[in-house]
Amino acid sequence: MNIRWAYLKRVLAGAIFGLYVAHLLYFLNPQVDITPARLAIVTIVYGLICGVLFGSALWVLRILRVKMFGRSENRAHGFGYVVLAAFIAAALYWMHLYVFRIGYLPIGAVRVLAKATNLITATAFALLLLWVIERNADRRRSRAIFLVGVVLIAISSFFLYQRRDSYRTEKQSVVVADVGTVAGQRPIIVVAIRNLPYDWILTLSGEGSLPFFDQARGRGYFTRLEPFPATDQQALWASIATGKLPFRHGVTGRFAYRTSLNSRDPTERFLILPSGVGFRIWGLIPPIDRIAPQLPSGDVLPFWTLFERVGLNASVIDWPSAGKQQRPRPMVAPAAVQRFNGAGRARDRIVRGLTADLSTADSIRAAASNRNLTLVVGALNGFEEAQRAIHIFTNDLPPRSTMKGEVLRGYAEQIDSMLASIARQFPDHLLVVLSPSGPVAPALATTPYAMLRDWISNEDPGADDGFVLISGSGIAHPQKPSPAAPDDVVPTLLYAAGLPIGRDMDGRVLTDAFTDELLRHNALSLVQTYEAKQLVVRRGGA
């Protein structure tokens, strides 16, 4: 009986760890609907598996200790393992909240996770106090204290569920969208540039290297685009394309996961799984079906599809992860190629990237010439390729006197020339130029050594701010505009085009980008969601 009771205590310690992990999985996946029945099933499964695995491992260690060192005179009853399991679970919650910086969760989910972390930490300290009392108790009192600890854990688990909030987007069958009278009258050109930071624009403009940017900044709208913490740049680009945070579109890295504990509904996938956390080892119950997330927008619609849903034609060229298109490659001017001669072996790679960008710019101009297209979207990806070729992995702009500085300035001048050509050829279009982030992705420590190293000496500055530039008629020039977020781009584009904003979008319209006259004549309208099965379009409020 003594052996069985001691073993069961160790099993219970592992089960407590599994209980808190089951809750954590849902805290990190607010898009998954949770019910008491589902949570009970998941908790039981996690508790049984973790309890048997960890309890058996601890029991084997006890057997080895007894054989090697003999029985201890200390009358330990095993309650310390329960306390240890609670503190380890609290540490995991704390790490997800503060160390791994799960900043791409919605604000409400972060607050709920913070409250859950405090609750589990308080429970762990209460159990520690019980353990101090239990250490000097006899076996009967020890079991009574043990039962009190179990009741305390059950109460904390109940309050964890009570603190859970629902963030699941309700899909509707039919939604009516009121399209403004200005819809389709002013076409929009969107040009995305990979890895061109805001501060680099200011520095290069001050050097006189970027005349288009310098002129557009002086007349149009120009502000910082602050990236949110993400483990993968695909998540950032997906939020740019959808106006929604990763917990909605599901792009948080290369893979999502489906397990036997959730349905085949895309919204039921466990998606918020930061790299390095180790969910593939201890957070998911086999069998596991690993799914490559649908890119570039995950399980929701990109903004060019929203235009098409209301009857406006759009063209997309080389958007990241949207698929490559075969097009004629233009010749790069010899004078431009000469500026890259000092790059050595990287020269050919840089020229290939510039050639691809010139081809994209030509395709943007060709598409914009088609008056049947209301939206033309293109991405210049070669600048990032050039940075990789010459090993630029920091946010500092190299001096002009260096090879890297010369290459970056030469390439940036080519981009400036492309944008100037587009602006001159299509003065009646609204031109939106954006770059989501700088060249350095946010660092996420994946090992205890990496965490300790970052705490002692963190040389990684993180991702630099990108920028949003808007030029054209009706665009204001505020002196100190507020910084924009990645999910603000789509609502702003929809408003500029006279289309309603989705209520299920996380971003806001950058109203300070528009003149008072345009704001008066272009009323802000809303639609419940663009994700409805059927979208009924009413023009001009008719």
Protein backbone atom coordinates (compact mmCIF):
# COMPACT_ATOMS: atom_id res chain seq x y z
CA MET A 1 0.00 0.00 0.00
CA ASN A 2 2.88 2.33 0.83
CA ILE A 3 4.47 1.75 -2.55
CA ARG A 4 1.22 2.31 -4.40
CA TRP A 5 0.42 5.51 -2.48
CA ALA A 6 3.92 6.90 -3.09
CA TYR A 7 3.68 6.01 -6.77
CA LEU A 8 0.23 7.56 -7.11
CA LYS A 9 1.55 10.80 -5.64
CA ARG A 10 4.17 10.96 -8.36
CA VAL A 11 1.58 10.14 -10.99
CA LEU A 12 -0.62 12.91 -9.66
CA ALA A 13 2.27 15.37 -9.86
CA GLY A 14 2.66 14.59 -13.56
CA ALA A 15 -1.10 14.80 -14.04
CA ILE A 16 -1.14 18.29 -12.52
CA PHE A 17 1.51 19.36 -15.00
CA GLY A 18 -0.62 17.90 -17.83
CA LEU A 19 -3.69 19.71 -16.53
CA TYR A 20 -2.02 23.11 -16.69
CA VAL A 21 -0.46 22.34 -20.09
CA ALA A 22 -3.90 21.50 -21.49
CA HIS A 23 -5.14 24.94 -20.42
CA LEU A 24 -2.03 26.63 -21.81
CA LEU A 25 -2.63 25.10 -25.24
CA TYR A 26 -6.00 26.84 -25.40
CA PHE A 27 -4.68 30.10 -23.99
CA LEU A 28 -2.20 30.21 -26.90
CA ASN A 29 -4.91 29.28 -29.43
CA PRO A 30 -7.80 31.68 -28.84
CA GLN A 31 -9.27 30.88 -32.26
CA VAL A 32 -10.20 27.39 -31.00
CA ASP A 33 -13.59 27.27 -29.35
CA ILE A 34 -13.57 25.71 -25.90
CA THR A 35 -16.41 24.09 -23.98
CA PRO A 36 -16.41 22.45 -20.54
CA ALA A 37 -16.83 19.02 -22.15
CA ARG A 38 -13.95 19.51 -24.57
CA LEU A 39 -11.68 20.94 -21.88
CA ALA A 40 -12.52 18.02 -19.59
CA ILE A 41 -11.62 15.48 -22.29
CA VAL A 42 -8.36 17.24 -23.20
CA THR A 43 -7.45 17.65 -19.53
CA ILE A 44 -8.09 13.97 -18.77
CA VAL A 45 -6.03 12.86 -21.76
CA TYR A 46 -3.13 15.17 -20.92
CA GLY A 47 -3.35 14.32 -17.23
CA LEU A 48 -3.27 10.56 -17.84
CA ILE A 49 -0.40 10.69 -20.31
CA CYS A 50 1.75 13.15 -18.35
CA GLY A 51 0.88 11.43 -15.08
CA VAL A 52 1.89 7.97 -16.25
CA LEU A 53 5.02 9.18 -18.04
CA PHE A 54 6.33 11.53 -15.38
CA GLY A 55 5.12 9.44 -12.45
CA SER A 56 6.79 6.31 -13.80
CA ALA A 57 9.99 8.23 -14.52
CA LEU A 58 10.08 9.60 -10.97
CA TRP A 59 9.35 6.16 -9.53
CA VAL A 60 12.19 4.61 -11.54
CA LEU A 61 14.52 7.30 -10.22
CA ARG A 62 13.36 6.50 -6.69
CA ILE A 63 14.11 2.80 -7.20
CA LEU A 64 17.58 3.62 -8.50
CA ARG A 65 18.21 5.95 -5.56
CA VAL A 66 17.17 3.28 -3.08
CA LYS A 67 19.39 0.65 -4.71
CA MET A 68 22.39 2.96 -4.87
CA PHE A 69 22.12 4.83 -1.56
CA GLY A 70 19.59 2.85 0.45
CA ARG A 71 16.40 4.12 2.01
CA SER A 72 16.48 7.65 3.32
CA GLU A 73 15.67 8.29 6.97
CA ASN A 74 13.87 11.46 5.90
CA ARG A 75 10.12 10.82 5.95
CA ALA A 76 9.25 12.41 2.58
CA HIS A 77 5.69 11.61 1.51
CA GLY A 78 5.96 12.76 -2.12
CA PHE A 79 3.97 15.98 -1.80
CA GLY A 80 7.02 17.95 -2.87
CA TYR A 81 6.64 16.55 -6.39
CA VAL A 82 3.19 18.10 -6.62
CA VAL A 83 4.60 21.46 -5.57
CA LEU A 84 7.41 21.11 -8.09
CA ALA A 85 4.93 20.32 -10.89
CA ALA A 86 2.92 23.44 -10.04
CA PHE A 87 6.02 25.66 -10.08
CA ILE A 88 7.21 24.18 -13.40
CA ALA A 89 3.77 24.84 -14.91
CA ALA A 90 3.85 28.42 -13.57
CA ALA A 91 7.31 28.85 -15.08
CA LEU A 92 6.03 27.68 -18.48
CA TYR A 93 3.17 30.20 -18.37
CA TRP A 94 5.56 32.94 -17.32
CA MET A 95 8.01 32.06 -20.12
CA HIS A 96 5.25 32.22 -22.75
CA LEU A 97 4.12 35.58 -21.44
CA TYR A 98 7.45 37.34 -20.85
CA VAL A 99 10.37 35.38 -22.31
CA PHE A 100 8.92 34.21 -25.60
CA ARG A 101 6.92 37.45 -25.91
CA ILE A 102 3.77 36.08 -27.53
CA GLY A 103 2.94 39.60 -28.65
CA TYR A 104 0.93 38.67 -31.70
CA LEU A 105 -1.96 37.40 -29.60
CA PRO A 106 -4.90 39.81 -29.25
CA ILE A 107 -4.72 42.14 -26.27
CA GLY A 108 -7.57 40.34 -24.55
CA ALA A 109 -5.83 36.98 -24.89
CA VAL A 110 -2.59 38.40 -23.48
CA ARG A 111 -4.48 39.77 -20.47
CA VAL A 112 -6.18 36.43 -19.91
CA LEU A 113 -2.82 34.64 -20.14
CA ALA A 114 -1.33 37.11 -17.65
CA LYS A 115 -4.17 36.50 -15.17
CA ALA A 116 -3.77 32.74 -15.63
CA THR A 117 -0.04 33.04 -14.95
CA ASN A 118 -0.70 34.93 -11.73
CA LEU A 119 -3.33 32.40 -10.67
CA ILE A 120 -1.06 29.39 -11.19
CA THR A 121 1.83 31.15 -9.47
CA ALA A 122 -0.34 31.91 -6.44
CA THR A 123 -1.50 28.29 -6.39
CA ALA A 124 2.09 27.08 -6.51
CA PHE A 125 3.06 29.22 -3.50
CA ALA A 126 -0.02 28.05 -1.60
CA LEU A 127 1.01 24.46 -2.28
CA LEU A 128 4.52 25.30 -1.12
CA LEU A 129 3.09 26.48 2.20
CA LEU A 130 1.12 23.24 2.52
CA TRP A 131 4.28 21.27 1.77
CA VAL A 132 6.15 23.04 4.59
CA ILE A 133 3.36 21.97 6.98
CA GLU A 134 3.23 18.46 5.49
CA ARG A 135 6.94 17.90 6.04
CA ASN A 136 6.45 17.56 9.81
CA ALA A 137 3.06 15.83 9.74
CA ASP A 138 2.38 12.16 10.26
CA ARG A 139 1.17 9.97 7.46
CA ARG A 140 -2.53 10.50 8.18
CA ARG A 141 -2.24 14.27 8.31
CA SER A 142 0.00 14.14 5.27
CA ARG A 143 -2.78 12.51 3.27
CA ALA A 144 -5.28 15.07 4.53
CA ILE A 145 -2.99 17.91 3.48
CA PHE A 146 -2.49 16.16 0.17
CA LEU A 147 -6.25 16.12 -0.43
CA VAL A 148 -6.42 19.83 0.46
CA GLY A 149 -3.76 20.45 -2.19
CA VAL A 150 -5.76 18.50 -4.77
CA VAL A 151 -8.87 20.55 -3.98
CA LEU A 152 -6.82 23.75 -4.31
CA ILE A 153 -5.56 22.65 -7.72
CA ALA A 154 -9.10 21.78 -8.85
CA ILE A 155 -10.33 25.22 -7.78
CA SER A 156 -7.49 26.93 -9.66
CA SER A 157 -8.30 24.87 -12.75
CA PHE A 158 -11.94 26.00 -12.58
CA PHE A 159 -10.90 29.65 -12.40
CA LEU A 160 -8.53 29.11 -15.34
CA TYR A 161 -11.53 28.11 -17.42
CA GLN A 162 -13.57 31.02 -16.10
CA ARG A 163 -10.83 33.46 -17.16
CA ARG A 164 -10.85 32.02 -20.66
CA ASP A 165 -12.34 34.37 -23.28
CA SER A 166 -13.72 33.57 -26.73
CA TYR A 167 -12.11 35.11 -29.81
CA ARG A 168 -13.58 32.89 -32.46
CA THR A 169 -14.91 34.72 -35.51
CA GLU A 170 -18.49 33.88 -36.31
CA LYS A 171 -19.02 33.11 -39.98
CA GLN A 172 -22.28 34.25 -41.52
CA SER A 173 -24.10 32.87 -44.54
CA VAL A 174 -25.19 36.18 -46.09
CA VAL A 175 -23.72 39.64 -45.46
CA VAL A 176 -24.73 42.92 -47.12
CA ALA A 177 -21.90 45.30 -48.05
CA ASP A 178 -22.67 48.96 -48.75
CA VAL A 179 -20.11 50.17 -51.28
CA GLY A 180 -19.48 53.90 -51.54
CA THR A 181 -20.09 55.95 -54.67
CA VAL A 182 -16.34 56.55 -55.07
CA ALA A 183 -15.62 52.84 -55.34
CA GLY A 184 -13.73 52.07 -58.53
CA GLN A 185 -13.27 55.72 -59.50
CA ARG A 186 -9.67 56.07 -58.28
CA PRO A 187 -7.41 53.06 -58.86
CA ILE A 188 -4.82 52.07 -56.27
CA ILE A 189 -1.27 50.85 -56.78
CA VAL A 190 0.36 49.05 -53.85
CA VAL A 191 4.12 48.41 -53.95
CA ALA A 192 5.66 46.38 -51.15
CA ILE A 193 9.44 46.42 -50.63
CA ARG A 194 11.02 43.75 -48.54
CA ASN A 195 13.34 44.89 -45.75
CA LEU A 196 13.71 48.62 -46.36
CA PRO A 197 13.64 50.22 -42.87
CA TYR A 198 12.18 53.61 -42.03
CA ASP A 199 15.46 54.96 -40.66
CA TRP A 200 17.32 54.00 -43.84
CA ILE A 201 14.85 56.07 -45.87
CA LEU A 202 15.50 59.10 -43.68
CA THR A 203 19.28 58.69 -43.90
CA LEU A 204 19.39 58.12 -47.65
CA SER A 205 16.97 60.97 -48.30
CA GLY A 206 19.20 63.24 -46.25
CA GLU A 207 22.14 62.21 -48.42
CA GLY A 208 20.18 63.18 -51.53
CA SER A 209 20.11 59.60 -52.85
CA LEU A 210 16.33 59.17 -53.00
CA PRO A 211 14.65 62.11 -54.75
CA PHE A 212 11.26 60.38 -55.12
CA PHE A 213 11.07 59.45 -51.44
CA ASP A 214 12.24 62.91 -50.46
CA GLN A 215 9.54 64.57 -52.56
CA ALA A 216 6.80 62.13 -51.55
CA ARG A 217 7.63 62.53 -47.85
CA GLY A 218 7.35 66.29 -48.21
CA ARG A 219 3.95 66.18 -49.88
CA GLY A 220 2.29 62.93 -48.90
CA TYR A 221 1.80 60.68 -45.90
CA PHE A 222 4.84 58.96 -44.44
CA THR A 223 4.99 57.13 -41.12
CA ARG A 224 6.60 54.24 -39.31
CA LEU A 225 5.20 50.75 -39.64
CA GLU A 226 5.86 49.01 -36.34
CA PRO A 227 6.20 45.22 -36.62
CA PHE A 228 4.63 43.05 -33.94
CA PRO A 229 6.69 40.28 -32.30
CA ALA A 230 6.50 37.22 -34.51
CA THR A 231 8.53 34.08 -34.93
CA ASP A 232 8.29 34.17 -38.70
CA GLN A 233 8.09 37.00 -41.24
CA GLN A 234 5.33 35.09 -43.03
CA ALA A 235 3.07 36.04 -40.12
CA LEU A 236 3.92 39.70 -40.66
CA TRP A 237 3.22 39.56 -44.40
CA ALA A 238 -0.04 37.70 -43.80
CA SER A 239 -1.22 40.45 -41.44
CA ILE A 240 -0.27 43.06 -44.04
CA ALA A 241 -2.39 41.18 -46.59
CA THR A 242 -5.42 40.58 -44.38
CA GLY A 243 -5.70 43.35 -41.78
CA LYS A 244 -5.87 40.65 -39.10
CA LEU A 245 -3.55 39.35 -36.43
CA PRO A 246 -2.04 35.84 -36.59
CA PHE A 247 -4.57 34.33 -34.20
CA ARG A 248 -7.17 34.92 -36.93
CA HIS A 249 -5.31 34.10 -40.14
CA GLY A 250 -3.27 31.30 -38.58
CA VAL A 251 0.12 32.05 -40.16
CA THR A 252 2.54 31.90 -37.24
CA GLY A 253 5.36 29.99 -38.87
CA ARG A 254 5.83 27.26 -41.40
CA PHE A 255 3.34 24.79 -39.95
CA ALA A 256 0.05 24.41 -38.13
CA TYR A 257 -1.02 21.25 -36.30
CA ARG A 258 -4.13 19.10 -36.14
CA THR A 259 -4.55 16.45 -33.47
CA SER A 260 -7.12 13.84 -32.53
CA LEU A 261 -8.47 16.24 -29.90
CA ASN A 262 -9.88 18.76 -32.38
CA SER A 263 -11.97 18.63 -35.54
CA ARG A 264 -10.92 19.07 -39.16
CA ASP A 265 -12.34 22.59 -39.21
CA PRO A 266 -9.47 25.00 -40.12
CA THR A 267 -10.43 27.24 -37.21
CA GLU A 268 -9.89 24.31 -34.86
CA ARG A 269 -6.20 23.86 -35.65
CA PHE A 270 -3.61 24.52 -33.01
CA LEU A 271 -1.81 27.37 -34.71
CA ILE A 272 -0.17 29.65 -32.17
CA LEU A 273 2.91 27.48 -31.65
CA PRO A 274 6.10 29.55 -31.34
CA SER A 275 9.24 27.85 -32.57
CA GLY A 276 11.48 26.55 -29.84
CA VAL A 277 8.74 26.19 -27.25
CA GLY A 278 8.71 22.43 -27.71
CA PHE A 279 5.03 21.77 -28.34
CA ARG A 280 5.93 19.10 -30.86
CA ILE A 281 7.52 17.20 -27.96
CA TRP A 282 5.19 17.71 -24.99
CA GLY A 283 2.32 19.96 -26.05
CA LEU A 284 0.54 17.81 -28.65
CA ILE A 285 -0.90 14.35 -28.25
CA PRO A 286 -0.02 11.91 -31.06
CA PRO A 287 -1.05 11.27 -33.74
CA ILE A 288 -0.14 14.72 -35.05
CA ASP A 289 -0.99 15.97 -38.53
CA ARG A 290 1.39 18.78 -39.49
CA ILE A 291 -0.10 21.23 -42.00
CA ALA A 292 1.70 23.84 -44.05
CA PRO A 293 -0.44 26.99 -43.59
CA GLN A 294 -2.09 28.39 -46.65
CA LEU A 295 -0.09 31.39 -47.75
CA PRO A 296 0.06 34.32 -48.17
CA SER A 297 -2.98 34.89 -45.97
CA GLY A 298 -3.66 31.69 -44.10
CA ASP A 299 -7.29 30.80 -43.54
CA VAL A 300 -8.70 34.26 -44.36
CA LEU A 301 -8.91 36.34 -47.53
CA PRO A 302 -6.19 38.75 -48.73
CA PHE A 303 -7.21 42.30 -49.56
CA TRP A 304 -7.09 41.84 -53.32
CA THR A 305 -9.70 39.08 -52.99
CA LEU A 306 -11.87 41.49 -50.97
CA PHE A 307 -11.83 43.88 -53.93
CA GLU A 308 -12.84 41.05 -56.23
CA ARG A 309 -15.70 40.01 -53.93
CA VAL A 310 -17.36 43.41 -54.39
CA GLY A 311 -16.90 43.32 -58.18
CA LEU A 312 -13.63 45.29 -58.53
CA ASN A 313 -10.82 43.72 -60.55
CA ALA A 314 -7.33 43.34 -59.08
CA SER A 315 -3.90 42.15 -60.23
CA VAL A 316 -1.22 40.67 -57.94
CA ILE A 317 2.44 40.48 -58.96
CA ASP A 318 5.14 38.65 -56.96
CA TRP A 319 3.55 39.09 -53.55
CA PRO A 320 5.57 37.03 -51.03
CA SER A 321 4.45 33.39 -50.99
CA ALA A 322 1.72 34.08 -53.55
CA GLY A 323 3.54 32.13 -56.27
CA LYS A 324 6.07 33.14 -58.88
CA GLN A 325 5.11 34.33 -62.34
CA GLN A 326 7.16 33.84 -65.47
CA ARG A 327 7.75 37.16 -67.23
CA PRO A 328 10.32 38.59 -69.64
CA ARG A 329 13.45 39.78 -67.86
CA PRO A 330 14.50 43.34 -68.79
CA MET A 331 18.13 44.29 -69.21
CA VAL A 332 19.77 46.14 -66.33
CA ALA A 333 21.56 49.31 -67.37
CA PRO A 334 25.37 48.86 -67.45
CA ALA A 335 25.84 51.93 -65.26
CA ALA A 336 23.69 50.32 -62.57
CA VAL A 337 25.59 47.02 -62.81
CA GLN A 338 28.92 48.81 -62.37
CA ARG A 339 27.92 49.97 -58.89
CA PHE A 340 27.79 46.32 -57.81
CA ASN A 341 31.18 45.31 -59.21
CA GLY A 342 32.80 45.53 -55.80
CA ALA A 343 30.44 42.89 -54.40
CA GLY A 344 32.54 40.04 -55.78
CA ARG A 345 30.70 36.74 -55.98
CA ALA A 346 27.51 38.38 -54.70
CA ARG A 347 27.32 40.58 -57.80
CA ASP A 348 25.41 38.10 -59.96
CA ARG A 349 22.92 37.41 -57.19
CA ILE A 350 22.32 41.14 -56.71
CA VAL A 351 21.86 41.70 -60.43
CA ARG A 352 19.36 38.84 -60.62
CA GLY A 353 17.36 40.41 -57.80
CA LEU A 354 17.43 43.82 -59.49
CA THR A 355 16.38 42.26 -62.79
CA ALA A 356 13.40 40.61 -61.09
CA ASP A 357 12.39 43.92 -59.49
CA LEU A 358 12.63 45.77 -62.80
CA SER A 359 10.40 43.09 -64.32
CA THR A 360 7.91 43.51 -61.48
CA ALA A 361 7.90 47.30 -61.97
CA ASP A 362 7.24 46.82 -65.70
CA SER A 363 4.35 44.46 -64.88
CA ILE A 364 2.91 46.96 -62.41
CA ARG A 365 2.95 49.68 -65.05
CA ALA A 366 1.38 47.37 -67.63
CA ALA A 367 -1.38 46.33 -65.23
CA ALA A 368 -2.05 49.90 -64.11
CA SER A 369 -2.55 50.89 -67.75
CA ASN A 370 -5.56 48.59 -67.81
CA ARG A 371 -8.41 50.80 -66.66
CA ASN A 372 -10.50 47.75 -65.81
CA LEU A 373 -8.23 47.10 -62.84
CA THR A 374 -9.04 48.99 -59.66
CA LEU A 375 -6.17 47.52 -57.65
CA VAL A 376 -2.63 46.63 -58.73
CA VAL A 377 -0.38 44.97 -56.14
CA GLY A 378 3.30 44.22 -56.60
CA ALA A 379 6.24 43.34 -54.37
CA LEU A 380 9.92 44.14 -54.94
CA ASN A 381 11.75 41.24 -53.33
CA GLY A 382 15.22 41.80 -54.76
CA PHE A 383 16.35 44.29 -52.13
CA GLU A 384 16.16 41.61 -49.44
CA GLU A 385 18.06 39.24 -51.74
CA ALA A 386 20.80 41.82 -52.13
CA GLN A 387 21.07 42.20 -48.35
CA ARG A 388 21.45 38.48 -47.93
CA ALA A 389 24.02 38.32 -50.71
CA ILE A 390 26.33 40.82 -48.97
CA HIS A 391 25.50 39.52 -45.47
CA ILE A 392 23.52 42.43 -44.06
CA PHE A 393 21.83 41.06 -40.94
CA THR A 394 21.65 44.14 -38.71
CA ASN A 395 19.58 47.31 -38.71
CA ASP A 396 22.59 49.61 -39.08
CA LEU A 397 23.01 51.20 -42.50
CA PRO A 398 26.64 50.62 -43.60
CA PRO A 399 28.66 53.78 -44.36
CA ARG A 400 28.88 54.94 -47.95
CA SER A 401 32.63 54.32 -47.96
CA THR A 402 32.17 50.55 -47.56
CA MET A 403 31.28 48.00 -50.22
CA LYS A 404 28.06 47.08 -48.43
CA GLY A 405 27.07 50.72 -48.11
CA GLU A 406 27.68 51.34 -51.81
CA VAL A 407 25.67 48.28 -52.87
CA LEU A 408 22.70 49.17 -50.68
CA ARG A 409 22.69 52.78 -51.86
CA GLY A 410 22.95 51.76 -55.49
CA TYR A 411 20.04 49.35 -55.14
CA ALA A 412 17.92 51.83 -53.16
CA GLU A 413 18.43 54.42 -55.89
CA GLN A 414 17.14 51.92 -58.45
CA ILE A 415 14.02 51.33 -56.34
CA ASP A 416 13.53 55.09 -56.01
CA SER A 417 13.74 55.41 -59.79
CA MET A 418 11.17 52.64 -60.32
CA LEU A 419 8.69 54.26 -57.94
CA ALA A 420 9.22 57.69 -59.53
CA SER A 421 8.46 56.23 -62.95
CA ILE A 422 5.22 54.65 -61.68
CA ALA A 423 4.13 57.89 -59.97
CA ARG A 424 4.81 59.99 -63.09
CA GLN A 425 2.99 57.61 -65.44
CA PHE A 426 -0.11 57.28 -63.23
CA PRO A 427 -0.71 60.59 -61.44
CA ASP A 428 -4.44 59.83 -61.06
CA HIS A 429 -3.73 56.65 -59.07
CA LEU A 430 -3.30 56.41 -55.33
CA LEU A 431 0.24 55.09 -54.78
CA VAL A 432 0.90 53.15 -51.57
CA VAL A 433 4.48 52.07 -50.86
CA LEU A 434 5.21 49.99 -47.77
CA SER A 435 7.85 47.85 -46.14
CA PRO A 436 6.70 45.70 -43.20
CA SER A 437 10.01 45.46 -41.33
CA GLY A 438 13.75 45.86 -41.35
CA PRO A 439 16.27 43.15 -42.19
CA VAL A 440 16.51 41.55 -38.74
CA ALA A 441 13.67 39.28 -37.62
CA PRO A 442 12.74 39.34 -33.92
CA ALA A 443 14.93 36.91 -32.00
CA LEU A 444 13.30 34.09 -30.08
CA ALA A 445 15.51 32.13 -27.72
CA THR A 446 15.03 28.40 -28.26
CA THR A 447 17.36 26.91 -25.65
CA PRO A 448 18.15 27.66 -21.98
CA TYR A 449 21.65 28.71 -23.04
CA ALA A 450 20.22 31.18 -25.58
CA MET A 451 17.90 32.66 -22.94
CA LEU A 452 20.78 33.10 -20.50
CA ARG A 453 22.95 34.63 -23.22
CA ASP A 454 20.23 37.13 -24.16
CA TRP A 455 19.76 38.16 -20.54
CA ILE A 456 23.49 38.71 -20.07
CA SER A 457 24.34 40.32 -23.42
CA ASN A 458 21.67 40.88 -26.05
CA GLU A 459 23.31 42.17 -29.21
CA ASP A 460 20.28 41.59 -31.41
CA PRO A 461 18.35 44.88 -31.80
CA GLY A 462 15.27 43.11 -33.12
CA ALA A 463 13.33 44.08 -36.20
CA ASP A 464 13.57 47.71 -37.21
CA ASP A 465 10.45 49.69 -38.09
CA GLY A 466 9.24 49.62 -41.66
CA PHE A 467 7.28 52.43 -43.29
CA VAL A 468 4.05 53.34 -45.05
CA LEU A 469 4.07 56.02 -47.75
CA ILE A 470 0.87 57.19 -49.47
CA SER A 471 0.79 59.79 -52.25
CA GLY A 472 -1.89 61.09 -54.55
CA SER A 473 -4.88 63.42 -54.51
CA GLY A 474 -6.74 63.63 -51.22
CA ILE A 475 -3.68 62.61 -49.18
CA ALA A 476 -2.72 64.79 -46.22
CA HIS A 477 0.76 65.65 -44.95
CA PRO A 478 0.69 65.51 -41.13
CA GLN A 479 3.85 66.70 -39.43
CA LYS A 480 3.88 63.98 -36.75
CA PRO A 481 1.70 61.07 -37.86
CA SER A 482 1.02 58.23 -35.48
CA PRO A 483 2.90 54.97 -36.20
CA ALA A 484 0.98 52.36 -38.16
CA ALA A 485 0.61 48.66 -37.39
CA PRO A 486 0.72 45.85 -39.99
CA ASP A 487 -3.01 45.21 -39.67
CA ASP A 488 -3.80 48.91 -40.37
CA VAL A 489 -2.85 48.66 -44.05
CA VAL A 490 -5.91 46.76 -45.32
CA PRO A 491 -8.56 48.91 -43.57
CA THR A 492 -6.83 52.04 -44.92
CA LEU A 493 -6.78 50.65 -48.47
CA LEU A 494 -10.44 49.66 -48.27
CA TYR A 495 -11.43 53.11 -47.03
CA ALA A 496 -9.40 54.86 -49.74
CA ALA A 497 -11.17 52.72 -52.34
CA GLY A 498 -14.62 53.54 -50.94
CA LEU A 499 -15.20 50.02 -49.63
CA PRO A 500 -16.52 49.01 -46.19
CA ILE A 501 -14.19 47.89 -43.41
CA GLY A 502 -14.65 44.41 -41.96
CA ARG A 503 -15.72 44.40 -38.33
CA ASP A 504 -13.63 41.27 -37.83
CA MET A 505 -10.44 43.10 -38.83
CA ASP A 506 -7.99 44.04 -36.10
CA GLY A 507 -6.56 47.15 -37.75
CA ARG A 508 -7.81 50.71 -38.00
CA VAL A 509 -8.08 53.25 -40.79
CA LEU A 510 -5.15 55.69 -40.84
CA THR A 511 -7.46 58.69 -40.99
CA ASP A 512 -4.63 61.22 -40.59
CA ALA A 513 -3.42 60.10 -44.03
CA PHE A 514 -6.41 61.79 -45.73
CA THR A 515 -7.45 65.40 -46.15
CA ASP A 516 -10.51 66.78 -44.37
CA GLU A 517 -12.29 67.19 -47.70
CA LEU A 518 -11.84 63.53 -48.60
CA LEU A 519 -12.95 62.46 -45.13
CA ARG A 520 -16.15 64.48 -45.51
CA HIS A 521 -17.02 63.04 -48.94
CA ASN A 522 -15.97 59.44 -48.24
CA ALA A 523 -18.12 58.16 -45.39
CA LEU A 524 -16.74 55.28 -43.35
CA SER A 525 -18.87 52.15 -43.74
CA LEU A 526 -18.63 48.72 -42.13
CA VAL A 527 -19.45 45.18 -43.10
CA GLN A 528 -19.75 42.33 -40.63
CA THR A 529 -17.20 40.20 -42.47
CA TYR A 530 -15.89 39.62 -45.97
CA GLU A 531 -15.62 35.92 -45.13
CA ALA A 532 -19.34 35.25 -45.49
CA LYS A 533 -20.49 32.53 -47.89
CA GLN A 534 -22.48 35.10 -49.85
CA LEU A 535 -21.69 38.81 -50.06
CA VAL A 536 -24.53 41.01 -51.31
CA VAL A 537 -23.17 44.30 -52.69
CA ARG A 538 -25.24 47.49 -52.57
CA ARG A 539 -23.70 50.49 -54.28
CA GLY A 540 -24.16 54.04 -53.04
CA GLY A 541 -26.34 52.86 -50.16
CA ALA A 542 -29.12 51.89 -52.58
